Amino acid sequence: MRRALLVVLVVAACKRQARPPSLGEAISVEQPGGSASQLFSQGSEIPTSATESFTTAKDNEKRLLVHVLRGAGRTAANLKSEAWWEVDGVSPARAAEARVMVTFEVDAQGHLSLSAREEDRRLSVKKLDDIPNVKTAPSPLAEPDDDEDLEEDPPE
């Protein structure tokens, strides 16, 4: 009798286990020109994180702007603005030479936070309260270096 009760309790407990929490909407970042690059798809289990490499659009820029969007789609104008984030302290360099690694972390409640680093330095990241000037464009994702890719490819 005791064993049967134990089996019933174990089966009931297994049935009560909820699915892991997941994102209700996809999360993307806006790119110059208005396209959106998806970081997390709708239904992704949380907590989760992703890291992307960003660069500067102009010579000697010391900050990056990251526009985070929610919803599914490839055009930023069709998605909901989550927030603008500023990454400050980027080393001066020619346009597209800087490589800033931005990590996007979503906690178990679905809240997003960002952190950034350039080589071995942590950079200042803050969520902006106001939408930047309309002429301000988000910073572009960095393309992988062709030279770096060649080093990783096996010889033919």
C-alpha atoms as a PDB file:
ATOM      1  CA  MET A   1       0.000   0.000   0.000  1.00  0.00           C
ATOM      2  CA  ARG A   2       2.787   2.408   0.919  1.00  0.00           C
ATOM      3  CA  ARG A   3       4.671   1.617  -2.272  1.00  0.00           C
ATOM      4  CA  ALA A   4       1.568   2.233  -4.414  1.00  0.00           C
ATOM      5  CA  LEU A   5       1.055   5.604  -2.725  1.00  0.00           C
ATOM      6  CA  LEU A   6       4.700   6.517  -3.382  1.00  0.00           C
ATOM      7  CA  VAL A   7       4.356   5.621  -7.088  1.00  0.00           C
ATOM      8  CA  VAL A   8       1.190   7.719  -7.371  1.00  0.00           C
ATOM      9  CA  LEU A   9       2.924  10.704  -5.714  1.00  0.00           C
ATOM     10  CA  VAL A  10       5.978  10.412  -8.010  1.00  0.00           C
ATOM     11  CA  VAL A  11       3.793  10.220 -11.136  1.00  0.00           C
ATOM     12  CA  ALA A  12       1.719  13.202  -9.971  1.00  0.00           C
ATOM     13  CA  ALA A  13       4.868  15.227  -9.281  1.00  0.00           C
ATOM     14  CA  CYS A  14       6.240  14.448 -12.760  1.00  0.00           C
ATOM     15  CA  LYS A  15       3.018  15.599 -14.398  1.00  0.00           C
ATOM     16  CA  ARG A  16       3.114  18.892 -12.472  1.00  0.00           C
ATOM     17  CA  GLN A  17       6.554  19.837 -13.740  1.00  0.00           C
ATOM     18  CA  ALA A  18       6.113  22.950 -15.814  1.00  0.00           C
ATOM     19  CA  ARG A  19       7.856  23.601 -19.097  1.00  0.00           C
ATOM     20  CA  PRO A  20      10.954  25.741 -18.714  1.00  0.00           C
ATOM     21  CA  PRO A  21      10.278  29.480 -19.067  1.00  0.00           C
ATOM     22  CA  SER A  22      10.605  30.827 -22.580  1.00  0.00           C
ATOM     23  CA  LEU A  23      10.629  34.137 -24.443  1.00  0.00           C
ATOM     24  CA  GLY A  24       7.240  35.393 -25.523  1.00  0.00           C
ATOM     25  CA  GLU A  25       8.730  37.415 -28.377  1.00  0.00           C
ATOM     26  CA  ALA A  26      11.852  37.287 -30.516  1.00  0.00           C
ATOM     27  CA  ILE A  27      14.637  39.760 -29.653  1.00  0.00           C
ATOM     28  CA  SER A  28      16.617  41.474 -32.425  1.00  0.00           C
ATOM     29  CA  VAL A  29      18.976  44.402 -32.954  1.00  0.00           C
ATOM     30  CA  GLU A  30      18.538  47.118 -35.564  1.00  0.00           C
ATOM     31  CA  GLN A  31      21.205  47.513 -38.230  1.00  0.00           C
ATOM     32  CA  PRO A  32      22.045  50.676 -40.179  1.00  0.00           C
ATOM     33  CA  GLY A  33      19.554  50.935 -43.016  1.00  0.00           C
ATOM     34  CA  GLY A  34      16.654  49.603 -40.956  1.00  0.00           C
ATOM     35  CA  SER A  35      17.091  45.835 -41.142  1.00  0.00           C
ATOM     36  CA  ALA A  36      16.879  43.692 -37.989  1.00  0.00           C
ATOM     37  CA  SER A  37      19.210  40.849 -36.974  1.00  0.00           C
ATOM     38  CA  GLN A  38      17.560  38.329 -34.671  1.00  0.00           C
ATOM     39  CA  LEU A  39      19.414  37.343 -31.497  1.00  0.00           C
ATOM     40  CA  PHE A  40      16.802  35.103 -29.852  1.00  0.00           C
ATOM     41  CA  SER A  41      13.749  33.488 -31.419  1.00  0.00           C
ATOM     42  CA  GLN A  42      10.314  33.408 -29.829  1.00  0.00           C
ATOM     43  CA  GLY A  43      10.047  30.406 -27.531  1.00  0.00           C
ATOM     44  CA  SER A  44      13.780  30.303 -26.679  1.00  0.00           C
ATOM     45  CA  GLU A  45      14.306  28.850 -23.205  1.00  0.00           C
ATOM     46  CA  ILE A  46      15.388  31.399 -20.624  1.00  0.00           C
ATOM     47  CA  PRO A  47      17.708  32.300 -19.029  1.00  0.00           C
ATOM     48  CA  THR A  48      19.863  32.612 -22.134  1.00  0.00           C
ATOM     49  CA  SER A  49      22.579  34.796 -23.627  1.00  0.00           C
ATOM     50  CA  ALA A  50      24.172  35.673 -26.960  1.00  0.00           C
ATOM     51  CA  THR A  51      27.300  37.625 -27.873  1.00  0.00           C
ATOM     52  CA  GLU A  52      27.684  39.662 -31.046  1.00  0.00           C
ATOM     53  CA  SER A  53      30.582  41.720 -32.380  1.00  0.00           C
ATOM     54  CA  PHE A  54      29.840  45.365 -33.167  1.00  0.00           C
ATOM     55  CA  THR A  55      32.000  47.999 -34.813  1.00  0.00           C
ATOM     56  CA  THR A  56      32.047  51.719 -35.469  1.00  0.00           C
ATOM     57  CA  ALA A  57      30.588  53.440 -38.522  1.00  0.00           C
ATOM     58  CA  LYS A  58      32.882  56.498 -38.365  1.00  0.00           C
ATOM     59  CA  ASP A  59      36.566  57.061 -37.626  1.00  0.00           C
ATOM     60  CA  ASN A  60      37.477  57.553 -33.946  1.00  0.00           C
ATOM     61  CA  GLU A  61      33.989  56.948 -32.563  1.00  0.00           C
ATOM     62  CA  LYS A  62      34.186  56.363 -28.830  1.00  0.00           C
ATOM     63  CA  ARG A  63      30.695  54.968 -28.386  1.00  0.00           C
ATOM     64  CA  LEU A  64      28.324  52.509 -29.985  1.00  0.00           C
ATOM     65  CA  LEU A  65      24.546  52.625 -30.024  1.00  0.00           C
ATOM     66  CA  VAL A  66      22.591  49.371 -29.895  1.00  0.00           C
ATOM     67  CA  HIS A  67      18.852  49.406 -30.623  1.00  0.00           C
ATOM     68  CA  VAL A  68      17.121  46.319 -29.219  1.00  0.00           C
ATOM     69  CA  LEU A  69      13.776  45.300 -30.730  1.00  0.00           C
ATOM     70  CA  ARG A  70      11.063  42.776 -29.837  1.00  0.00           C
ATOM     71  CA  GLY A  71       8.874  40.798 -32.218  1.00  0.00           C
ATOM     72  CA  ALA A  72       9.311  38.715 -35.344  1.00  0.00           C
ATOM     73  CA  GLY A  73      10.411  40.268 -38.621  1.00  0.00           C
ATOM     74  CA  ARG A  74      13.377  41.485 -40.637  1.00  0.00           C
ATOM     75  CA  THR A  75      12.545  45.199 -40.745  1.00  0.00           C
ATOM     76  CA  ALA A  76      13.130  47.336 -37.647  1.00  0.00           C
ATOM     77  CA  ALA A  77      10.192  49.612 -38.454  1.00  0.00           C
ATOM     78  CA  ASN A  78       7.810  46.629 -38.084  1.00  0.00           C
ATOM     79  CA  LEU A  79       9.123  45.653 -34.623  1.00  0.00           C
ATOM     80  CA  LYS A  80       8.611  47.129 -31.153  1.00  0.00           C
ATOM     81  CA  SER A  81      11.458  49.175 -29.700  1.00  0.00           C
ATOM     82  CA  GLU A  82      12.666  47.559 -26.460  1.00  0.00           C
ATOM     83  CA  ALA A  83      15.429  50.068 -25.680  1.00  0.00           C
ATOM     84  CA  TRP A  84      18.483  51.934 -26.927  1.00  0.00           C
ATOM     85  CA  TRP A  85      21.772  51.113 -25.198  1.00  0.00           C
ATOM     86  CA  GLU A  86      25.011  53.115 -25.266  1.00  0.00           C
ATOM     87  CA  VAL A  87      28.411  51.401 -25.087  1.00  0.00           C
ATOM     88  CA  ASP A  88      31.034  53.988 -24.119  1.00  0.00           C
ATOM     89  CA  GLY A  89      34.830  53.898 -23.992  1.00  0.00           C
ATOM     90  CA  VAL A  90      35.595  52.344 -27.385  1.00  0.00           C
ATOM     91  CA  SER A  91      39.263  52.806 -28.350  1.00  0.00           C
ATOM     92  CA  PRO A  92      39.771  55.286 -31.216  1.00  0.00           C
ATOM     93  CA  ALA A  93      40.205  53.498 -34.539  1.00  0.00           C
ATOM     94  CA  ARG A  94      39.270  53.754 -38.212  1.00  0.00           C
ATOM     95  CA  ALA A  95      35.661  53.006 -39.084  1.00  0.00           C
ATOM     96  CA  ALA A  96      34.893  49.273 -38.976  1.00  0.00           C
ATOM     97  CA  GLU A  97      38.227  48.412 -37.298  1.00  0.00           C
ATOM     98  CA  ALA A  98      37.009  48.420 -33.706  1.00  0.00           C
ATOM     99  CA  ARG A  99      35.650  45.091 -32.443  1.00  0.00           C
ATOM    100  CA  VAL A 100      33.370  45.352 -29.438  1.00  0.00           C
ATOM    101  CA  MET A 101      31.829  42.161 -28.094  1.00  0.00           C
ATOM    102  CA  VAL A 102      28.357  42.849 -26.706  1.00  0.00           C
ATOM    103  CA  THR A 103      26.693  40.158 -24.605  1.00  0.00           C
ATOM    104  CA  PHE A 104      22.906  40.124 -24.388  1.00  0.00           C
ATOM    105  CA  GLU A 105      21.574  38.264 -21.332  1.00  0.00           C
ATOM    106  CA  VAL A 106      17.932  37.420 -20.717  1.00  0.00           C
ATOM    107  CA  ASP A 107      17.124  36.312 -17.163  1.00  0.00           C
ATOM    108  CA  ALA A 108      14.420  33.826 -16.145  1.00  0.00           C
ATOM    109  CA  GLN A 109      11.844  36.654 -15.955  1.00  0.00           C
ATOM    110  CA  GLY A 110      12.593  37.811 -19.510  1.00  0.00           C
ATOM    111  CA  HIS A 111      14.513  40.962 -18.518  1.00  0.00           C
ATOM    112  CA  LEU A 112      17.347  41.936 -20.837  1.00  0.00           C
ATOM    113  CA  SER A 113      20.754  43.272 -19.790  1.00  0.00           C
ATOM    114  CA  LEU A 114      23.850  44.100 -21.848  1.00  0.00           C
ATOM    115  CA  SER A 115      27.560  44.038 -21.119  1.00  0.00           C
ATOM    116  CA  ALA A 116      30.447  44.869 -23.460  1.00  0.00           C
ATOM    117  CA  ARG A 117      34.164  44.336 -23.782  1.00  0.00           C
ATOM    118  CA  GLU A 118      36.895  45.346 -26.199  1.00  0.00           C
ATOM    119  CA  GLU A 119      39.790  42.895 -26.118  1.00  0.00           C
ATOM    120  CA  ASP A 120      40.384  42.477 -22.374  1.00  0.00           C
ATOM    121  CA  ARG A 121      38.678  45.725 -21.239  1.00  0.00           C
ATOM    122  CA  ARG A 122      35.121  45.975 -19.959  1.00  0.00           C
ATOM    123  CA  LEU A 123      33.267  48.939 -21.417  1.00  0.00           C
ATOM    124  CA  SER A 124      30.578  51.093 -19.849  1.00  0.00           C
ATOM    125  CA  VAL A 125      27.046  50.138 -20.928  1.00  0.00           C
ATOM    126  CA  LYS A 126      23.916  52.071 -20.049  1.00  0.00           C
ATOM    127  CA  LYS A 127      20.302  51.934 -21.105  1.00  0.00           C
ATOM    128  CA  LEU A 128      19.223  55.290 -22.533  1.00  0.00           C
ATOM    129  CA  ASP A 129      16.087  56.910 -21.148  1.00  0.00           C
ATOM    130  CA  ASP A 130      15.498  59.009 -24.254  1.00  0.00           C
ATOM    131  CA  ILE A 131      15.464  57.911 -27.879  1.00  0.00           C
ATOM    132  CA  PRO A 132      18.618  59.244 -29.603  1.00  0.00           C
ATOM    133  CA  ASN A 133      18.376  61.945 -32.251  1.00  0.00           C
ATOM    134  CA  VAL A 134      16.622  60.728 -35.428  1.00  0.00           C
ATOM    135  CA  LYS A 135      19.855  61.244 -37.394  1.00  0.00           C
ATOM    136  CA  THR A 136      21.663  58.816 -35.088  1.00  0.00           C
ATOM    137  CA  ALA A 137      21.951  55.329 -36.537  1.00  0.00           C
ATOM    138  CA  PRO A 138      22.580  52.122 -34.616  1.00  0.00           C
ATOM    139  CA  SER A 139      26.104  50.716 -34.764  1.00  0.00           C
ATOM    140  CA  PRO A 140      26.642  47.893 -37.261  1.00  0.00           C
ATOM    141  CA  LEU A 141      27.399  44.288 -36.457  1.00  0.00           C
ATOM    142  CA  ALA A 142      31.019  43.545 -37.373  1.00  0.00           C
ATOM    143  CA  GLU A 143      31.723  41.221 -40.267  1.00  0.00           C
ATOM    144  CA  PRO A 144      34.245  38.481 -39.540  1.00  0.00           C
ATOM    145  CA  ASP A 145      37.783  39.325 -40.668  1.00  0.00           C
ATOM    146  CA  ASP A 146      38.694  37.421 -43.835  1.00  0.00           C
ATOM    147  CA  ASP A 147      42.285  37.077 -42.547  1.00  0.00           C
ATOM    148  CA  GLU A 148      41.091  35.505 -39.298  1.00  0.00           C
ATOM    149  CA  ASP A 149      38.837  33.105 -41.218  1.00  0.00           C
ATOM    150  CA  LEU A 150      41.755  31.968 -43.393  1.00  0.00           C
ATOM    151  CA  GLU A 151      43.778  31.047 -40.309  1.00  0.00           C
ATOM    152  CA  GLU A 152      40.983  28.777 -39.085  1.00  0.00           C
ATOM    153  CA  ASP A 153      40.348  26.991 -42.405  1.00  0.00           C
ATOM    154  CA  PRO A 154      42.108  23.650 -42.842  1.00  0.00           C
ATOM    155  CA  PRO A 155      44.739  23.487 -45.625  1.00  0.00           C
ATOM    156  CA  GLU A 156      43.534  22.031 -48.942  1.00  0.00           C
END
